[in-house]
Amino acid sequence: MEFLRRLRFLITPLLALALTAQAAPPSPNEYALKAVFLYNVVRFVDWPASAFSSRKDPLVIGIVGPDPFGPLLYEAIAGETYQGRPITVAHYARPRDIRHCHLLFVGRANHDRLDQILAKAAGQTMLTVGETDYFLDHGGMIALTAYKNRVHLQINGTTLAKSRLGVSSKLLQVAQIRY
């Protein structure tokens, strides 16, 4: 857990400069970095008040399909909040199981049901984050892709602009934006 806290404090300032961190093909270190990224991206996105049922509702990070993080995401968000709200994690086995969440992580194991997942998320106040090269082409909002031993942040500007989410210019500055 101490490793993730230190990693979070290193990544936060780097995110403002560039989100291109060293990563190997899927490994625990890659997912430790992605877990911290998911927490940090929350800090750069504004969800409208209507995305929450009450002032005490948590911000929910959802994971559909197999969970590549194990305990890493829980460690990254331990004790953290979003505008005074606790941050929690929800797991959804299949696209039809997806319920209300604010950020939905779609791992590469979901390649054969990506369209179903994104259709389920459409029209909701839900930030979708994936990790494949084709995630944005299918209507996902943010992709974390590994290329030449780095993790790159790409944003689908069209899909994100259609959402009711406010995104900080700091996040947009460090991303490759595709339309």
N, C-alpha and C. Protein backbone atom coordinates (compact mmCIF):
# COMPACT_ATOMS: atom_id res chain seq x y z
N MET A 1 0.82 -1.17 0.00
CA MET A 1 0.00 0.00 0.00
C MET A 1 0.87 1.25 0.00
N GLU A 2 1.96 1.24 0.72
CA GLU A 2 2.87 2.38 0.74
C GLU A 2 3.41 2.65 -0.66
N PHE A 3 3.68 1.59 -1.42
CA PHE A 3 4.15 1.73 -2.80
C PHE A 3 3.14 2.52 -3.62
N LEU A 4 1.85 2.19 -3.50
CA LEU A 4 0.83 2.88 -4.27
C LEU A 4 0.68 4.33 -3.83
N ARG A 5 0.79 4.61 -2.55
CA ARG A 5 0.71 6.01 -2.09
C ARG A 5 1.85 6.83 -2.69
N ARG A 6 3.06 6.27 -2.65
CA ARG A 6 4.20 6.99 -3.23
C ARG A 6 4.02 7.16 -4.73
N LEU A 7 3.54 6.11 -5.39
CA LEU A 7 3.31 6.16 -6.82
C LEU A 7 2.27 7.23 -7.15
N ARG A 8 1.22 7.34 -6.35
CA ARG A 8 0.19 8.34 -6.59
C ARG A 8 0.78 9.75 -6.49
N PHE A 9 1.63 9.99 -5.48
CA PHE A 9 2.21 11.31 -5.33
C PHE A 9 3.21 11.63 -6.43
N LEU A 10 3.81 10.61 -7.03
CA LEU A 10 4.70 10.85 -8.16
C LEU A 10 3.90 11.10 -9.43
N ILE A 11 2.81 10.39 -9.60
CA ILE A 11 2.04 10.47 -10.83
C ILE A 11 1.24 11.76 -10.91
N THR A 12 0.70 12.22 -9.80
CA THR A 12 -0.14 13.41 -9.85
C THR A 12 0.56 14.58 -10.52
N PRO A 13 1.78 14.94 -10.12
CA PRO A 13 2.43 16.05 -10.83
C PRO A 13 2.80 15.69 -12.26
N LEU A 14 3.15 14.45 -12.47
CA LEU A 14 3.52 14.04 -13.83
C LEU A 14 2.32 14.08 -14.76
N LEU A 15 1.13 13.80 -14.22
CA LEU A 15 -0.08 13.83 -15.04
C LEU A 15 -0.29 15.21 -15.61
N ALA A 16 0.07 16.23 -14.85
CA ALA A 16 -0.07 17.59 -15.34
C ALA A 16 0.90 17.89 -16.48
N LEU A 17 2.02 17.18 -16.50
CA LEU A 17 3.02 17.38 -17.55
C LEU A 17 2.78 16.46 -18.73
N ALA A 18 2.66 15.16 -18.43
CA ALA A 18 2.40 14.16 -19.47
C ALA A 18 2.11 12.84 -18.82
N LEU A 19 1.16 12.11 -19.39
CA LEU A 19 0.84 10.81 -18.84
C LEU A 19 1.40 9.75 -19.77
N THR A 20 2.71 9.64 -19.76
CA THR A 20 3.40 8.62 -20.52
C THR A 20 4.36 7.95 -19.56
N ALA A 21 3.88 6.95 -18.87
CA ALA A 21 4.68 6.29 -17.85
C ALA A 21 5.20 4.97 -18.37
N GLN A 22 6.32 4.57 -17.85
CA GLN A 22 6.91 3.29 -18.23
C GLN A 22 5.97 2.16 -17.86
N ALA A 23 5.81 1.21 -18.77
CA ALA A 23 5.00 0.03 -18.48
C ALA A 23 5.45 -1.09 -19.38
N ALA A 24 5.37 -2.28 -18.88
CA ALA A 24 5.67 -3.47 -19.66
C ALA A 24 4.36 -4.02 -20.17
N PRO A 25 4.41 -5.07 -21.00
CA PRO A 25 3.15 -5.72 -21.33
C PRO A 25 2.45 -6.09 -20.02
N PRO A 26 1.14 -6.33 -20.06
CA PRO A 26 0.37 -6.46 -18.84
C PRO A 26 1.15 -7.12 -17.69
N SER A 27 1.35 -6.34 -16.67
CA SER A 27 2.07 -6.82 -15.50
C SER A 27 1.47 -6.16 -14.28
N PRO A 28 1.79 -6.66 -13.10
CA PRO A 28 1.29 -6.00 -11.90
C PRO A 28 1.69 -4.52 -11.83
N ASN A 29 2.89 -4.18 -12.30
CA ASN A 29 3.31 -2.79 -12.28
C ASN A 29 2.48 -1.93 -13.22
N GLU A 30 2.12 -2.46 -14.38
CA GLU A 30 1.26 -1.72 -15.30
C GLU A 30 -0.08 -1.45 -14.64
N TYR A 31 -0.63 -2.43 -13.97
CA TYR A 31 -1.94 -2.25 -13.35
C TYR A 31 -1.87 -1.43 -12.08
N ALA A 32 -0.74 -1.39 -11.41
CA ALA A 32 -0.57 -0.47 -10.28
C ALA A 32 -0.63 0.96 -10.81
N LEU A 33 0.04 1.21 -11.92
CA LEU A 33 0.04 2.52 -12.54
C LEU A 33 -1.36 2.89 -13.02
N LYS A 34 -2.05 1.96 -13.66
CA LYS A 34 -3.40 2.23 -14.16
C LYS A 34 -4.38 2.45 -13.01
N ALA A 35 -4.20 1.73 -11.90
CA ALA A 35 -5.06 1.93 -10.73
C ALA A 35 -4.91 3.36 -10.21
N VAL A 36 -3.69 3.82 -10.12
CA VAL A 36 -3.44 5.18 -9.65
C VAL A 36 -3.98 6.18 -10.68
N PHE A 37 -3.84 5.88 -11.96
CA PHE A 37 -4.40 6.76 -12.98
C PHE A 37 -5.91 6.88 -12.81
N LEU A 38 -6.61 5.77 -12.60
CA LEU A 38 -8.06 5.85 -12.47
C LEU A 38 -8.45 6.76 -11.31
N TYR A 39 -7.73 6.66 -10.20
CA TYR A 39 -8.00 7.59 -9.10
C TYR A 39 -7.70 9.02 -9.52
N ASN A 40 -6.57 9.25 -10.16
CA ASN A 40 -6.19 10.61 -10.54
C ASN A 40 -7.11 11.21 -11.59
N VAL A 41 -7.58 10.42 -12.53
CA VAL A 41 -8.46 10.98 -13.57
C VAL A 41 -9.75 11.49 -12.94
N VAL A 42 -10.19 10.86 -11.86
CA VAL A 42 -11.38 11.31 -11.15
C VAL A 42 -11.22 12.78 -10.72
N ARG A 43 -10.01 13.14 -10.35
CA ARG A 43 -9.74 14.49 -9.88
C ARG A 43 -9.82 15.53 -11.01
N PHE A 44 -9.77 15.09 -12.26
CA PHE A 44 -9.78 16.00 -13.39
C PHE A 44 -11.11 16.00 -14.15
N VAL A 45 -12.12 15.33 -13.59
CA VAL A 45 -13.43 15.23 -14.23
C VAL A 45 -14.48 15.73 -13.25
N ASP A 46 -15.45 16.48 -13.77
CA ASP A 46 -16.58 16.94 -12.96
C ASP A 46 -17.85 16.26 -13.45
N TRP A 47 -18.48 15.54 -12.53
CA TRP A 47 -19.77 14.93 -12.81
C TRP A 47 -20.84 15.90 -12.34
N PRO A 48 -21.93 16.03 -13.08
CA PRO A 48 -23.00 16.93 -12.63
C PRO A 48 -23.66 16.37 -11.37
N ALA A 49 -24.29 17.25 -10.60
CA ALA A 49 -24.96 16.83 -9.37
C ALA A 49 -25.99 15.74 -9.65
N SER A 50 -26.58 15.76 -10.84
CA SER A 50 -27.60 14.76 -11.19
C SER A 50 -27.02 13.35 -11.32
N ALA A 51 -25.71 13.21 -11.35
CA ALA A 51 -25.08 11.89 -11.44
C ALA A 51 -25.10 11.17 -10.08
N PHE A 52 -25.52 11.87 -9.05
CA PHE A 52 -25.58 11.31 -7.70
C PHE A 52 -27.00 11.44 -7.17
N SER A 53 -27.45 10.42 -6.43
CA SER A 53 -28.79 10.45 -5.85
C SER A 53 -28.88 11.37 -4.65
N SER A 54 -27.79 11.48 -3.91
CA SER A 54 -27.77 12.35 -2.73
C SER A 54 -26.36 12.89 -2.53
N ARG A 55 -26.23 13.80 -1.59
CA ARG A 55 -24.92 14.41 -1.31
C ARG A 55 -23.94 13.42 -0.68
N LYS A 56 -24.44 12.31 -0.17
CA LYS A 56 -23.59 11.34 0.50
C LYS A 56 -23.24 10.14 -0.39
N ASP A 57 -23.82 10.08 -1.58
CA ASP A 57 -23.52 8.97 -2.48
C ASP A 57 -22.04 8.92 -2.82
N PRO A 58 -21.47 7.73 -2.90
CA PRO A 58 -20.06 7.62 -3.29
C PRO A 58 -19.89 7.80 -4.79
N LEU A 59 -18.68 8.11 -5.19
CA LEU A 59 -18.29 8.04 -6.58
C LEU A 59 -17.91 6.58 -6.82
N VAL A 60 -18.49 5.96 -7.83
CA VAL A 60 -18.30 4.53 -8.07
C VAL A 60 -17.46 4.30 -9.31
N ILE A 61 -16.36 3.57 -9.13
CA ILE A 61 -15.55 3.10 -10.25
C ILE A 61 -15.99 1.67 -10.52
N GLY A 62 -16.52 1.43 -11.71
CA GLY A 62 -16.98 0.10 -12.08
C GLY A 62 -15.96 -0.61 -12.94
N ILE A 63 -15.90 -1.92 -12.79
CA ILE A 63 -15.04 -2.77 -13.63
C ILE A 63 -15.93 -3.84 -14.21
N VAL A 64 -15.94 -3.93 -15.53
CA VAL A 64 -16.76 -4.96 -16.17
C VAL A 64 -15.85 -6.10 -16.62
N GLY A 65 -16.31 -7.32 -16.38
CA GLY A 65 -15.54 -8.50 -16.75
C GLY A 65 -14.44 -8.79 -15.75
N PRO A 66 -13.43 -9.55 -16.18
CA PRO A 66 -12.34 -9.89 -15.27
C PRO A 66 -11.64 -8.65 -14.72
N ASP A 67 -11.28 -8.68 -13.45
CA ASP A 67 -10.63 -7.56 -12.79
C ASP A 67 -9.12 -7.72 -12.90
N PRO A 68 -8.45 -6.92 -13.73
CA PRO A 68 -6.99 -7.06 -13.87
C PRO A 68 -6.21 -6.43 -12.72
N PHE A 69 -6.90 -5.67 -11.85
CA PHE A 69 -6.22 -4.93 -10.80
C PHE A 69 -5.96 -5.73 -9.53
N GLY A 70 -6.80 -6.72 -9.23
CA GLY A 70 -6.69 -7.39 -7.94
C GLY A 70 -6.87 -6.34 -6.85
N PRO A 71 -6.03 -6.34 -5.83
CA PRO A 71 -6.18 -5.37 -4.74
C PRO A 71 -5.63 -3.98 -5.06
N LEU A 72 -4.96 -3.81 -6.20
CA LEU A 72 -4.28 -2.55 -6.50
C LEU A 72 -5.21 -1.34 -6.57
N LEU A 73 -6.38 -1.50 -7.16
CA LEU A 73 -7.30 -0.36 -7.26
C LEU A 73 -7.85 0.00 -5.88
N TYR A 74 -8.16 -1.01 -5.08
CA TYR A 74 -8.64 -0.74 -3.72
C TYR A 74 -7.57 0.01 -2.91
N GLU A 75 -6.33 -0.37 -3.08
CA GLU A 75 -5.24 0.29 -2.37
C GLU A 75 -5.07 1.73 -2.86
N ALA A 76 -5.25 1.95 -4.16
CA ALA A 76 -5.08 3.29 -4.72
C ALA A 76 -6.15 4.27 -4.23
N ILE A 77 -7.35 3.77 -3.97
CA ILE A 77 -8.44 4.67 -3.55
C ILE A 77 -8.67 4.66 -2.05
N ALA A 78 -7.95 3.84 -1.32
CA ALA A 78 -8.15 3.74 0.13
C ALA A 78 -8.05 5.11 0.80
N GLY A 79 -9.11 5.51 1.47
CA GLY A 79 -9.12 6.77 2.19
C GLY A 79 -9.29 8.00 1.33
N GLU A 80 -9.40 7.84 0.03
CA GLU A 80 -9.52 8.99 -0.88
C GLU A 80 -10.99 9.36 -1.08
N THR A 81 -11.21 10.60 -1.47
CA THR A 81 -12.57 11.07 -1.70
C THR A 81 -12.63 11.87 -3.01
N TYR A 82 -13.85 12.06 -3.48
CA TYR A 82 -14.13 12.93 -4.62
C TYR A 82 -15.13 13.97 -4.11
N GLN A 83 -14.71 15.20 -3.99
CA GLN A 83 -15.55 16.29 -3.50
C GLN A 83 -16.29 15.89 -2.22
N GLY A 84 -15.55 15.27 -1.30
CA GLY A 84 -16.10 14.86 -0.02
C GLY A 84 -16.84 13.54 -0.03
N ARG A 85 -16.96 12.93 -1.19
CA ARG A 85 -17.65 11.64 -1.30
C ARG A 85 -16.62 10.51 -1.26
N PRO A 86 -16.97 9.40 -0.62
CA PRO A 86 -16.06 8.27 -0.68
C PRO A 86 -16.00 7.72 -2.11
N ILE A 87 -14.94 7.05 -2.44
CA ILE A 87 -14.80 6.40 -3.75
C ILE A 87 -14.87 4.90 -3.50
N THR A 88 -15.73 4.22 -4.25
CA THR A 88 -15.88 2.78 -4.10
C THR A 88 -15.68 2.09 -5.45
N VAL A 89 -15.57 0.77 -5.40
CA VAL A 89 -15.40 -0.03 -6.61
C VAL A 89 -16.56 -1.02 -6.70
N ALA A 90 -17.11 -1.17 -7.91
CA ALA A 90 -18.16 -2.15 -8.17
C ALA A 90 -17.69 -3.05 -9.30
N HIS A 91 -18.07 -4.30 -9.24
CA HIS A 91 -17.70 -5.27 -10.27
C HIS A 91 -18.96 -5.76 -11.00
N TYR A 92 -18.85 -5.88 -12.31
CA TYR A 92 -19.95 -6.34 -13.14
C TYR A 92 -19.43 -7.48 -14.01
N ALA A 93 -20.02 -8.64 -13.89
CA ALA A 93 -19.54 -9.81 -14.63
C ALA A 93 -19.81 -9.68 -16.13
N ARG A 94 -20.99 -9.19 -16.48
CA ARG A 94 -21.40 -9.11 -17.89
C ARG A 94 -21.95 -7.72 -18.19
N PRO A 95 -22.04 -7.35 -19.45
CA PRO A 95 -22.59 -6.04 -19.79
C PRO A 95 -23.98 -5.80 -19.20
N ARG A 96 -24.82 -6.81 -19.19
CA ARG A 96 -26.18 -6.62 -18.66
C ARG A 96 -26.20 -6.38 -17.15
N ASP A 97 -25.10 -6.67 -16.48
CA ASP A 97 -25.01 -6.46 -15.03
C ASP A 97 -24.61 -5.03 -14.67
N ILE A 98 -24.17 -4.25 -15.64
CA ILE A 98 -23.69 -2.89 -15.36
C ILE A 98 -24.83 -2.06 -14.79
N ARG A 99 -24.57 -1.49 -13.64
CA ARG A 99 -25.49 -0.58 -12.98
C ARG A 99 -24.85 0.79 -12.94
N HIS A 100 -25.46 1.66 -12.20
CA HIS A 100 -24.96 3.03 -12.13
C HIS A 100 -23.55 3.07 -11.56
N CYS A 101 -22.63 3.64 -12.33
CA CYS A 101 -21.29 3.94 -11.85
C CYS A 101 -20.87 5.22 -12.55
N HIS A 102 -19.82 5.81 -12.07
CA HIS A 102 -19.37 7.09 -12.63
C HIS A 102 -18.22 6.92 -13.62
N LEU A 103 -17.36 5.98 -13.35
CA LEU A 103 -16.25 5.65 -14.23
C LEU A 103 -16.30 4.15 -14.46
N LEU A 104 -16.35 3.74 -15.70
CA LEU A 104 -16.40 2.31 -16.03
C LEU A 104 -15.11 1.92 -16.73
N PHE A 105 -14.37 0.99 -16.12
CA PHE A 105 -13.15 0.49 -16.71
C PHE A 105 -13.48 -0.78 -17.50
N VAL A 106 -13.04 -0.79 -18.77
CA VAL A 106 -13.29 -1.91 -19.67
C VAL A 106 -11.94 -2.50 -20.05
N GLY A 107 -11.60 -3.63 -19.46
CA GLY A 107 -10.32 -4.28 -19.71
C GLY A 107 -10.27 -4.94 -21.07
N ARG A 108 -9.05 -5.28 -21.48
CA ARG A 108 -8.85 -5.87 -22.82
C ARG A 108 -9.53 -7.22 -22.97
N ALA A 109 -9.85 -7.90 -21.88
CA ALA A 109 -10.53 -9.20 -21.97
C ALA A 109 -11.96 -9.07 -22.49
N ASN A 110 -12.47 -7.86 -22.60
CA ASN A 110 -13.83 -7.61 -23.06
C ASN A 110 -13.92 -7.30 -24.55
N HIS A 111 -12.90 -7.60 -25.32
CA HIS A 111 -12.86 -7.20 -26.73
C HIS A 111 -14.06 -7.71 -27.52
N ASP A 112 -14.58 -8.88 -27.20
CA ASP A 112 -15.68 -9.45 -27.98
C ASP A 112 -17.05 -8.91 -27.58
N ARG A 113 -17.14 -8.15 -26.52
CA ARG A 113 -18.42 -7.59 -26.11
C ARG A 113 -18.34 -6.08 -25.85
N LEU A 114 -17.37 -5.46 -26.47
CA LEU A 114 -17.15 -4.03 -26.30
C LEU A 114 -18.36 -3.20 -26.72
N ASP A 115 -18.96 -3.52 -27.85
CA ASP A 115 -20.12 -2.75 -28.31
C ASP A 115 -21.29 -2.87 -27.34
N GLN A 116 -21.50 -4.05 -26.76
CA GLN A 116 -22.58 -4.24 -25.78
C GLN A 116 -22.32 -3.39 -24.53
N ILE A 117 -21.08 -3.37 -24.09
CA ILE A 117 -20.72 -2.60 -22.89
C ILE A 117 -20.93 -1.12 -23.12
N LEU A 118 -20.44 -0.62 -24.24
CA LEU A 118 -20.56 0.82 -24.52
C LEU A 118 -22.01 1.22 -24.78
N ALA A 119 -22.81 0.32 -25.34
CA ALA A 119 -24.23 0.60 -25.52
C ALA A 119 -24.92 0.72 -24.17
N LYS A 120 -24.53 -0.10 -23.23
CA LYS A 120 -25.10 -0.04 -21.88
C LYS A 120 -24.71 1.27 -21.18
N ALA A 121 -23.52 1.77 -21.45
CA ALA A 121 -23.05 3.01 -20.82
C ALA A 121 -23.60 4.26 -21.52
N ALA A 122 -24.02 4.13 -22.77
CA ALA A 122 -24.48 5.28 -23.55
C ALA A 122 -25.67 5.96 -22.86
N GLY A 123 -25.66 7.27 -22.88
CA GLY A 123 -26.76 8.03 -22.31
C GLY A 123 -26.67 8.21 -20.81
N GLN A 124 -25.72 7.57 -20.17
CA GLN A 124 -25.53 7.74 -18.73
C GLN A 124 -24.39 8.73 -18.50
N THR A 125 -24.33 9.25 -17.30
CA THR A 125 -23.24 10.16 -16.95
C THR A 125 -22.08 9.30 -16.46
N MET A 126 -21.47 8.60 -17.40
CA MET A 126 -20.46 7.59 -17.09
C MET A 126 -19.23 7.80 -17.97
N LEU A 127 -18.08 7.98 -17.35
CA LEU A 127 -16.82 8.08 -18.08
C LEU A 127 -16.34 6.67 -18.38
N THR A 128 -16.12 6.37 -19.64
CA THR A 128 -15.65 5.03 -20.01
C THR A 128 -14.16 5.07 -20.30
N VAL A 129 -13.43 4.14 -19.68
CA VAL A 129 -11.98 4.05 -19.82
C VAL A 129 -11.63 2.63 -20.23
N GLY A 130 -10.90 2.50 -21.32
CA GLY A 130 -10.48 1.18 -21.80
C GLY A 130 -8.98 1.12 -21.97
N GLU A 131 -8.52 -0.02 -22.48
CA GLU A 131 -7.07 -0.19 -22.62
C GLU A 131 -6.66 -0.85 -23.92
N THR A 132 -7.50 -0.71 -24.95
CA THR A 132 -7.15 -1.29 -26.24
C THR A 132 -7.06 -0.19 -27.29
N ASP A 133 -6.35 -0.48 -28.37
CA ASP A 133 -6.19 0.48 -29.46
C ASP A 133 -7.53 0.83 -30.11
N TYR A 134 -8.46 -0.09 -30.13
CA TYR A 134 -9.72 0.13 -30.83
C TYR A 134 -10.85 0.62 -29.91
N PHE A 135 -10.58 0.84 -28.63
CA PHE A 135 -11.61 1.26 -27.68
C PHE A 135 -12.27 2.57 -28.11
N LEU A 136 -11.48 3.55 -28.52
CA LEU A 136 -12.03 4.84 -28.94
C LEU A 136 -12.83 4.71 -30.22
N ASP A 137 -12.42 3.83 -31.13
CA ASP A 137 -13.13 3.64 -32.39
C ASP A 137 -14.55 3.12 -32.17
N HIS A 138 -14.77 2.45 -31.06
CA HIS A 138 -16.08 1.90 -30.74
C HIS A 138 -16.92 2.86 -29.90
N GLY A 139 -16.39 4.04 -29.58
CA GLY A 139 -17.15 5.03 -28.83
C GLY A 139 -16.74 5.19 -27.38
N GLY A 140 -15.64 4.55 -26.96
CA GLY A 140 -15.12 4.76 -25.61
C GLY A 140 -14.56 6.16 -25.49
N MET A 141 -14.43 6.66 -24.27
CA MET A 141 -13.99 8.04 -24.05
C MET A 141 -12.49 8.18 -23.85
N ILE A 142 -11.91 7.33 -23.01
CA ILE A 142 -10.48 7.42 -22.71
C ILE A 142 -9.85 6.05 -22.89
N ALA A 143 -8.71 6.01 -23.55
CA ALA A 143 -7.97 4.75 -23.72
C ALA A 143 -6.58 4.91 -23.13
N LEU A 144 -6.19 3.91 -22.38
CA LEU A 144 -4.82 3.80 -21.87
C LEU A 144 -4.18 2.67 -22.66
N THR A 145 -3.31 3.00 -23.58
CA THR A 145 -2.73 1.97 -24.43
C THR A 145 -1.23 1.86 -24.20
N ALA A 146 -0.74 0.65 -24.27
CA ALA A 146 0.70 0.40 -24.13
C ALA A 146 1.32 0.39 -25.52
N TYR A 147 2.40 1.16 -25.68
CA TYR A 147 3.11 1.22 -26.96
C TYR A 147 4.55 1.58 -26.67
N LYS A 148 5.47 0.79 -27.17
CA LYS A 148 6.90 1.01 -26.96
C LYS A 148 7.22 1.21 -25.48
N ASN A 149 6.72 0.30 -24.67
CA ASN A 149 6.99 0.29 -23.23
C ASN A 149 6.50 1.55 -22.50
N ARG A 150 5.45 2.17 -23.01
CA ARG A 150 4.85 3.33 -22.35
C ARG A 150 3.34 3.17 -22.37
N VAL A 151 2.70 3.80 -21.40
CA VAL A 151 1.24 3.88 -21.38
C VAL A 151 0.87 5.26 -21.90
N HIS A 152 0.02 5.30 -22.91
CA HIS A 152 -0.39 6.55 -23.53
C HIS A 152 -1.86 6.82 -23.25
N LEU A 153 -2.19 8.06 -23.02
CA LEU A 153 -3.55 8.51 -22.77
C LEU A 153 -4.10 9.08 -24.07
N GLN A 154 -5.21 8.49 -24.52
CA GLN A 154 -5.89 8.99 -25.72
C GLN A 154 -7.34 9.28 -25.35
N ILE A 155 -7.89 10.33 -25.92
CA ILE A 155 -9.26 10.73 -25.63
C ILE A 155 -10.04 10.82 -26.93
N ASN A 156 -11.26 10.28 -26.92
CA ASN A 156 -12.18 10.43 -28.03
C ASN A 156 -12.92 11.74 -27.79
N GLY A 157 -12.49 12.79 -28.46
CA GLY A 157 -13.05 14.12 -28.25
C GLY A 157 -14.52 14.21 -28.59
N THR A 158 -14.96 13.50 -29.61
CA THR A 158 -16.36 13.54 -30.02
C THR A 158 -17.25 12.92 -28.94
N THR A 159 -16.92 11.74 -28.50
CA THR A 159 -17.73 11.06 -27.48
C THR A 159 -17.71 11.82 -26.17
N LEU A 160 -16.56 12.31 -25.78
CA LEU A 160 -16.46 13.04 -24.52
C LEU A 160 -17.25 14.34 -24.58
N ALA A 161 -17.22 15.02 -25.72
CA ALA A 161 -17.96 16.28 -25.86
C ALA A 161 -19.47 16.05 -25.76
N LYS A 162 -19.95 14.89 -26.17
CA LYS A 162 -21.38 14.57 -26.10
C LYS A 162 -21.83 14.22 -24.68
N SER A 163 -20.89 13.90 -23.83
CA SER A 163 -21.24 13.53 -22.45
C SER A 163 -21.55 14.79 -21.65
N ARG A 164 -22.11 14.60 -20.48
CA ARG A 164 -22.40 15.74 -19.60
C ARG A 164 -21.29 15.90 -18.57
N LEU A 165 -20.10 15.47 -18.92
CA LEU A 165 -18.97 15.53 -18.01
C LEU A 165 -18.11 16.75 -18.29
N GLY A 166 -17.62 17.37 -17.24
CA GLY A 166 -16.67 18.45 -17.39
C GLY A 166 -15.27 17.89 -17.24
N VAL A 167 -14.40 18.20 -18.17
CA VAL A 167 -13.04 17.66 -18.14
C VAL A 167 -12.05 18.82 -18.05
N SER A 168 -11.14 18.73 -17.10
CA SER A 168 -10.15 19.77 -16.90
C SER A 168 -9.24 19.89 -18.12
N SER A 169 -8.86 21.11 -18.41
CA SER A 169 -7.93 21.34 -19.51
C SER A 169 -6.58 20.69 -19.23
N LYS A 170 -6.24 20.50 -17.95
CA LYS A 170 -4.99 19.84 -17.60
C LYS A 170 -4.97 18.41 -18.12
N LEU A 171 -6.09 17.73 -18.04
CA LEU A 171 -6.16 16.36 -18.56
C LEU A 171 -6.10 16.37 -20.08
N LEU A 172 -6.78 17.31 -20.70
CA LEU A 172 -6.78 17.39 -22.16
C LEU A 172 -5.40 17.73 -22.72
N GLN A 173 -4.62 18.51 -21.98
CA GLN A 173 -3.29 18.90 -22.44
C GLN A 173 -2.32 17.74 -22.51
N VAL A 174 -2.52 16.73 -21.69
CA VAL A 174 -1.57 15.63 -21.64
C VAL A 174 -2.00 14.44 -22.49
N ALA A 175 -3.12 14.57 -23.15
CA ALA A 175 -3.67 13.46 -23.92
C ALA A 175 -3.55 13.71 -25.42
N GLN A 176 -3.58 12.62 -26.15
CA GLN A 176 -3.73 12.69 -27.59
C GLN A 176 -5.24 12.67 -27.82
N ILE A 177 -5.78 13.70 -28.43
CA ILE A 177 -7.22 13.78 -28.63
C ILE A 177 -7.53 13.39 -30.06
N ARG A 178 -8.46 12.47 -30.20
CA ARG A 178 -8.90 12.00 -31.52
C ARG A 178 -10.35 12.38 -31.74
N TYR A 179 -10.66 12.76 -32.96
CA TYR A 179 -12.05 13.10 -33.32
C TYR A 179 -12.54 12.18 -34.40
